């Protein structure tokens, strides 16, 4: 995943959250399950690398 925008103005954040409405259910506050014993969780992982193609020009919002 990659960040494509940041909303910093509180009025805009309130407007977006107001449009979405209040949550319909309470958040679940339980702990995650214990990891399984002796499975892949205990094995070391091989490192991998995927380049991020950030060579694209960043659009200027004032020029649009």
PDB file of N, CA and C in Angstrom:
ATOM      1  N   UNK A   1       0.834  -1.172   0.000  1.00  0.00           N
ATOM      2  CA  UNK A   1       0.000   0.000   0.000  1.00  0.00           C
ATOM      3  C   UNK A   1       0.878   1.234   0.000  1.00  0.00           C
ATOM      4  N   UNK A   2       0.278   2.300  -0.487  1.00  0.00           N
ATOM      5  CA  UNK A   2       1.032   3.526  -0.594  1.00  0.00           C
ATOM      6  C   UNK A   2       0.111   4.693  -0.284  1.00  0.00           C
ATOM      7  N   UNK A   3       0.590   5.686   0.428  1.00  0.00           N
ATOM      8  CA  UNK A   3      -0.207   6.862   0.750  1.00  0.00           C
ATOM      9  C   UNK A   3      -0.352   7.700  -0.504  1.00  0.00           C
ATOM     10  N   UNK A   4      -1.590   8.038  -0.841  1.00  0.00           N
ATOM     11  CA  UNK A   4      -1.811   8.857  -2.030  1.00  0.00           C
ATOM     12  C   UNK A   4      -2.341  10.241  -1.679  1.00  0.00           C
ATOM     13  N   UNK A   5      -2.833  10.431  -0.452  1.00  0.00           N
ATOM     14  CA  UNK A   5      -3.333  11.744  -0.043  1.00  0.00           C
ATOM     15  C   UNK A   5      -3.380  11.807   1.477  1.00  0.00           C
ATOM     16  N   UNK A   6      -3.273  13.029   1.993  1.00  0.00           N
ATOM     17  CA  UNK A   6      -3.390  13.274   3.422  1.00  0.00           C
ATOM     18  C   UNK A   6      -4.377  14.418   3.604  1.00  0.00           C
ATOM     19  N   UNK A   7      -5.365  14.220   4.456  1.00  0.00           N
ATOM     20  CA  UNK A   7      -6.344  15.262   4.734  1.00  0.00           C
ATOM     21  C   UNK A   7      -5.966  15.882   6.066  1.00  0.00           C
ATOM     22  N   UNK A   8      -5.620  17.155   6.054  1.00  0.00           N
ATOM     23  CA  UNK A   8      -5.143  17.824   7.256  1.00  0.00           C
ATOM     24  C   UNK A   8      -6.139  18.820   7.828  1.00  0.00           C
ATOM     25  N   UNK A   9      -7.066  19.310   7.039  1.00  0.00           N
ATOM     26  CA  UNK A   9      -8.007  20.324   7.512  1.00  0.00           C
ATOM     27  C   UNK A   9      -9.099  19.675   8.360  1.00  0.00           C
ATOM     28  N   UNK A  10      -9.227  20.085   9.633  1.00  0.00           N
ATOM     29  CA  UNK A  10     -10.220  19.473  10.527  1.00  0.00           C
ATOM     30  C   UNK A  10     -11.651  19.574   9.990  1.00  0.00           C
ATOM     31  N   UNK A  11     -11.995  20.666   9.330  1.00  0.00           N
ATOM     32  CA  UNK A  11     -13.354  20.818   8.811  1.00  0.00           C
ATOM     33  C   UNK A  11     -13.658  19.762   7.757  1.00  0.00           C
ATOM     34  N   UNK A  12     -12.679  19.447   6.918  1.00  0.00           N
ATOM     35  CA  UNK A  12     -12.879  18.428   5.878  1.00  0.00           C
ATOM     36  C   UNK A  12     -12.991  17.047   6.511  1.00  0.00           C
ATOM     37  N   UNK A  13     -12.168  16.771   7.525  1.00  0.00           N
ATOM     38  CA  UNK A  13     -12.239  15.480   8.219  1.00  0.00           C
ATOM     39  C   UNK A  13     -13.610  15.304   8.863  1.00  0.00           C
ATOM     40  N   UNK A  14     -14.110  16.361   9.552  1.00  0.00           N
ATOM     41  CA  UNK A  14     -15.436  16.288  10.169  1.00  0.00           C
ATOM     42  C   UNK A  14     -16.528  16.048   9.130  1.00  0.00           C
ATOM     43  N   UNK A  15     -16.412  16.706   7.974  1.00  0.00           N
ATOM     44  CA  UNK A  15     -17.417  16.538   6.921  1.00  0.00           C
ATOM     45  C   UNK A  15     -17.423  15.089   6.407  1.00  0.00           C
ATOM     46  N   UNK A  16     -16.261  14.507   6.187  1.00  0.00           N
ATOM     47  CA  UNK A  16     -16.176  13.124   5.702  1.00  0.00           C
ATOM     48  C   UNK A  16     -16.729  12.162   6.743  1.00  0.00           C
ATOM     49  N   UNK A  17     -16.312  12.324   7.999  1.00  0.00           N
ATOM     50  CA  UNK A  17     -16.791  11.427   9.053  1.00  0.00           C
ATOM     51  C   UNK A  17     -18.285  11.611   9.296  1.00  0.00           C
ATOM     52  N   UNK A  18     -18.792  12.830   9.178  1.00  0.00           N
ATOM     53  CA  UNK A  18     -20.221  13.065   9.318  1.00  0.00           C
ATOM     54  C   UNK A  18     -21.016  12.386   8.222  1.00  0.00           C
ATOM     55  N   UNK A  19     -20.463  12.368   7.014  1.00  0.00           N
ATOM     56  CA  UNK A  19     -21.128  11.701   5.897  1.00  0.00           C
ATOM     57  C   UNK A  19     -21.183  10.186   6.116  1.00  0.00           C
ATOM     58  N   UNK A  20     -20.127   9.628   6.699  1.00  0.00           N
ATOM     59  CA  UNK A  20     -20.090   8.185   6.941  1.00  0.00           C
ATOM     60  C   UNK A  20     -21.037   7.773   8.060  1.00  0.00           C
ATOM     61  N   UNK A  21     -21.326   8.676   8.974  1.00  0.00           N
ATOM     62  CA  UNK A  21     -22.247   8.372  10.063  1.00  0.00           C
ATOM     63  C   UNK A  21     -21.555   7.681  11.212  1.00  0.00           C
ATOM     64  N   UNK A  22     -22.292   7.525  12.330  1.00  0.00           N
ATOM     65  CA  UNK A  22     -21.696   6.869  13.495  1.00  0.00           C
ATOM     66  C   UNK A  22     -21.523   5.375  13.246  1.00  0.00           C
ATOM     67  N   UNK A  23     -20.603   4.742  13.949  1.00  0.00           N
ATOM     68  CA  UNK A  23     -20.420   3.298  13.766  1.00  0.00           C
ATOM     69  C   UNK A  23     -21.683   2.544  14.183  1.00  0.00           C
ATOM     70  N   UNK A  24     -21.969   1.465  13.479  1.00  0.00           N
ATOM     71  CA  UNK A  24     -23.183   0.694  13.763  1.00  0.00           C
ATOM     72  C   UNK A  24     -22.964  -0.351  14.843  1.00  0.00           C
ATOM     73  N   UNK A  25     -21.716  -0.675  15.168  1.00  0.00           N
ATOM     74  CA  UNK A  25     -21.439  -1.640  16.229  1.00  0.00           C
ATOM     75  C   UNK A  25     -20.187  -1.212  16.984  1.00  0.00           C
ATOM     76  N   UNK A  26     -20.080  -1.664  18.217  1.00  0.00           N
ATOM     77  CA  UNK A  26     -18.915  -1.337  19.029  1.00  0.00           C
ATOM     78  C   UNK A  26     -17.701  -2.109  18.529  1.00  0.00           C
ATOM     79  N   UNK A  27     -16.551  -1.520  18.714  1.00  0.00           N
ATOM     80  CA  UNK A  27     -15.316  -2.181  18.301  1.00  0.00           C
ATOM     81  C   UNK A  27     -15.064  -3.409  19.162  1.00  0.00           C
ATOM     82  N   UNK A  28     -14.495  -4.427  18.556  1.00  0.00           N
ATOM     83  CA  UNK A  28     -14.168  -5.653  19.285  1.00  0.00           C
ATOM     84  C   UNK A  28     -12.841  -5.443  20.012  1.00  0.00           C
ATOM     85  N   UNK A  29     -12.843  -5.624  21.326  1.00  0.00           N
ATOM     86  CA  UNK A  29     -11.644  -5.396  22.123  1.00  0.00           C
ATOM     87  C   UNK A  29     -11.128  -6.690  22.731  1.00  0.00           C
ATOM     88  N   UNK A  30     -10.957  -7.694  21.927  1.00  0.00           N
ATOM     89  CA  UNK A  30     -10.421  -8.944  22.438  1.00  0.00           C
ATOM     90  C   UNK A  30      -9.012  -9.156  21.907  1.00  0.00           C
ATOM     91  N   UNK A  31      -8.249  -9.964  22.613  1.00  0.00           N
ATOM     92  CA  UNK A  31      -6.871 -10.227  22.213  1.00  0.00           C
ATOM     93  C   UNK A  31      -6.845 -11.193  21.031  1.00  0.00           C
ATOM     94  N   UNK A  32      -5.812 -11.097  20.190  1.00  0.00           N
ATOM     95  CA  UNK A  32      -5.694 -12.055  19.099  1.00  0.00           C
ATOM     96  C   UNK A  32      -5.398 -13.446  19.639  1.00  0.00           C
ATOM     97  N   UNK A  33      -5.701 -14.486  18.888  1.00  0.00           N
ATOM     98  CA  UNK A  33      -5.434 -15.842  19.371  1.00  0.00           C
ATOM     99  C   UNK A  33      -3.936 -16.101  19.480  1.00  0.00           C
ATOM    100  N   UNK A  34      -3.577 -17.056  20.320  1.00  0.00           N
ATOM    101  CA  UNK A  34      -2.174 -17.443  20.458  1.00  0.00           C
ATOM    102  C   UNK A  34      -1.691 -18.076  19.155  1.00  0.00           C
ATOM    103  N   UNK A  35      -0.429 -17.820  18.770  1.00  0.00           N
ATOM    104  CA  UNK A  35       0.080 -18.424  17.540  1.00  0.00           C
ATOM    105  C   UNK A  35       0.211 -19.937  17.695  1.00  0.00           C
ATOM    106  N   UNK A  36       0.061 -20.667  16.614  1.00  0.00           N
ATOM    107  CA  UNK A  36       0.212 -22.117  16.693  1.00  0.00           C
ATOM    108  C   UNK A  36       1.657 -22.497  17.017  1.00  0.00           C
ATOM    109  N   UNK A  37       1.826 -23.592  17.694  1.00  0.00           N
ATOM    110  CA  UNK A  37       3.151 -24.058  18.092  1.00  0.00           C
ATOM    111  C   UNK A  37       3.749 -24.967  17.004  1.00  0.00           C
ATOM    112  N   UNK A  38       5.034 -24.772  16.725  1.00  0.00           N
ATOM    113  CA  UNK A  38       5.752 -25.681  15.839  1.00  0.00           C
ATOM    114  C   UNK A  38       5.360 -25.619  14.375  1.00  0.00           C
ATOM    115  N   UNK A  39       4.753 -24.553  13.937  1.00  0.00           N
ATOM    116  CA  UNK A  39       4.377 -24.451  12.526  1.00  0.00           C
ATOM    117  C   UNK A  39       5.237 -23.405  11.835  1.00  0.00           C
ATOM    118  N   UNK A  40       4.745 -22.876  10.767  1.00  0.00           N
ATOM    119  CA  UNK A  40       5.508 -21.921   9.969  1.00  0.00           C
ATOM    120  C   UNK A  40       5.865 -20.669  10.757  1.00  0.00           C
ATOM    121  N   UNK A  41       5.102 -20.376  11.819  1.00  0.00           N
ATOM    122  CA  UNK A  41       5.401 -19.193  12.621  1.00  0.00           C
ATOM    123  C   UNK A  41       6.771 -19.293  13.282  1.00  0.00           C
ATOM    124  N   UNK A  42       7.251 -20.494  13.513  1.00  0.00           N
ATOM    125  CA  UNK A  42       8.552 -20.681  14.159  1.00  0.00           C
ATOM    126  C   UNK A  42       9.715 -20.739  13.170  1.00  0.00           C
ATOM    127  N   UNK A  43       9.428 -20.854  11.907  1.00  0.00           N
ATOM    128  CA  UNK A  43      10.465 -20.975  10.882  1.00  0.00           C
ATOM    129  C   UNK A  43      10.968 -19.596  10.458  1.00  0.00           C
ATOM    130  N   UNK A  44      12.281 -19.455  10.249  1.00  0.00           N
ATOM    131  CA  UNK A  44      12.782 -18.168   9.752  1.00  0.00           C
ATOM    132  C   UNK A  44      12.285 -17.927   8.332  1.00  0.00           C
ATOM    133  N   UNK A  45      12.053 -16.675   8.027  1.00  0.00           N
ATOM    134  CA  UNK A  45      11.569 -16.332   6.688  1.00  0.00           C
ATOM    135  C   UNK A  45      12.707 -15.868   5.799  1.00  0.00           C
ATOM    136  N   UNK A  46      12.565 -16.121   4.531  1.00  0.00           N
ATOM    137  CA  UNK A  46      13.533 -15.641   3.563  1.00  0.00           C
ATOM    138  C   UNK A  46      13.169 -14.202   3.203  1.00  0.00           C
ATOM    139  N   UNK A  47      14.156 -13.325   3.187  1.00  0.00           N
ATOM    140  CA  UNK A  47      13.906 -11.931   2.844  1.00  0.00           C
ATOM    141  C   UNK A  47      13.611 -11.804   1.365  1.00  0.00           C
ATOM    142  N   UNK A  48      12.717 -10.920   1.044  1.00  0.00           N
ATOM    143  CA  UNK A  48      12.428 -10.637  -0.363  1.00  0.00           C
ATOM    144  C   UNK A  48      12.419  -9.136  -0.569  1.00  0.00           C
ATOM    145  N   UNK A  49      12.587  -8.722  -1.797  1.00  0.00           N
ATOM    146  CA  UNK A  49      12.634  -7.304  -2.114  1.00  0.00           C
ATOM    147  C   UNK A  49      11.856  -7.055  -3.392  1.00  0.00           C
ATOM    148  N   UNK A  50      10.946  -6.110  -3.331  1.00  0.00           N
ATOM    149  CA  UNK A  50      10.235  -5.676  -4.523  1.00  0.00           C
ATOM    150  C   UNK A  50      10.424  -4.175  -4.645  1.00  0.00           C
ATOM    151  N   UNK A  51      10.980  -3.709  -5.740  1.00  0.00           N
ATOM    152  CA  UNK A  51      11.203  -2.271  -5.874  1.00  0.00           C
ATOM    153  C   UNK A  51       9.873  -1.517  -5.976  1.00  0.00           C
ATOM    154  N   UNK A  52       9.857  -0.321  -5.435  1.00  0.00           N
ATOM    155  CA  UNK A  52       8.688   0.544  -5.527  1.00  0.00           C
ATOM    156  C   UNK A  52       8.930   1.504  -6.679  1.00  0.00           C
ATOM    157  N   UNK A  53       7.991   1.545  -7.598  1.00  0.00           N
ATOM    158  CA  UNK A  53       8.165   2.385  -8.778  1.00  0.00           C
ATOM    159  C   UNK A  53       7.710   3.806  -8.463  1.00  0.00           C
ATOM    160  N   UNK A  54       8.590   4.559  -7.815  1.00  0.00           N
ATOM    161  CA  UNK A  54       8.280   5.936  -7.449  1.00  0.00           C
ATOM    162  C   UNK A  54       8.869   6.935  -8.431  1.00  0.00           C
ATOM    163  N   UNK A  55       9.177   6.511  -9.631  1.00  0.00           N
ATOM    164  CA  UNK A  55       9.770   7.428 -10.591  1.00  0.00           C
ATOM    165  C   UNK A  55       8.703   8.190 -11.379  1.00  0.00           C
ATOM    166  N   UNK A  56       7.416   7.999 -11.043  1.00  0.00           N
ATOM    167  CA  UNK A  56       6.370   8.727 -11.721  1.00  0.00           C
ATOM    168  C   UNK A  56       6.319  10.159 -11.198  1.00  0.00           C
ATOM    169  N   UNK A  57       6.047  11.129 -12.047  1.00  0.00           N
ATOM    170  CA  UNK A  57       5.999  12.507 -11.571  1.00  0.00           C
ATOM    171  C   UNK A  57       4.808  12.722 -10.643  1.00  0.00           C
ATOM    172  N   UNK A  58       4.992  13.571  -9.650  1.00  0.00           N
ATOM    173  CA  UNK A  58       3.925  13.892  -8.713  1.00  0.00           C
ATOM    174  C   UNK A  58       3.110  15.037  -9.320  1.00  0.00           C
ATOM    175  N   UNK A  59       1.795  14.841  -9.501  1.00  0.00           N
ATOM    176  CA  UNK A  59       0.993  15.896 -10.114  1.00  0.00           C
ATOM    177  C   UNK A  59       0.880  17.104  -9.184  1.00  0.00           C
ATOM    178  N   UNK A  60       0.939  18.274  -9.767  1.00  0.00           N
ATOM    179  CA  UNK A  60       0.818  19.514  -9.018  1.00  0.00           C
ATOM    180  C   UNK A  60      -0.647  19.916  -8.999  1.00  0.00           C
ATOM    181  N   UNK A  61      -1.302  19.950  -7.808  1.00  0.00           N
ATOM    182  CA  UNK A  61      -2.743  20.260  -7.776  1.00  0.00           C
ATOM    183  C   UNK A  61      -3.046  21.672  -8.230  1.00  0.00           C
ATOM    184  N   UNK A  62      -2.070  22.585  -8.154  1.00  0.00           N
ATOM    185  CA  UNK A  62      -2.314  23.948  -8.601  1.00  0.00           C
ATOM    186  C   UNK A  62      -2.309  24.087 -10.115  1.00  0.00           C
ATOM    187  N   UNK A  63      -1.691  23.115 -10.795  1.00  0.00           N
ATOM    188  CA  UNK A  63      -1.596  23.182 -12.268  1.00  0.00           C
ATOM    189  C   UNK A  63      -2.801  22.502 -12.938  1.00  0.00           C
ATOM    190  N   UNK A  64      -3.619  21.779 -12.161  1.00  0.00           N
ATOM    191  CA  UNK A  64      -4.739  21.034 -12.746  1.00  0.00           C
ATOM    192  C   UNK A  64      -5.889  21.921 -13.108  1.00  0.00           C
TER     193      UNK A  64
END
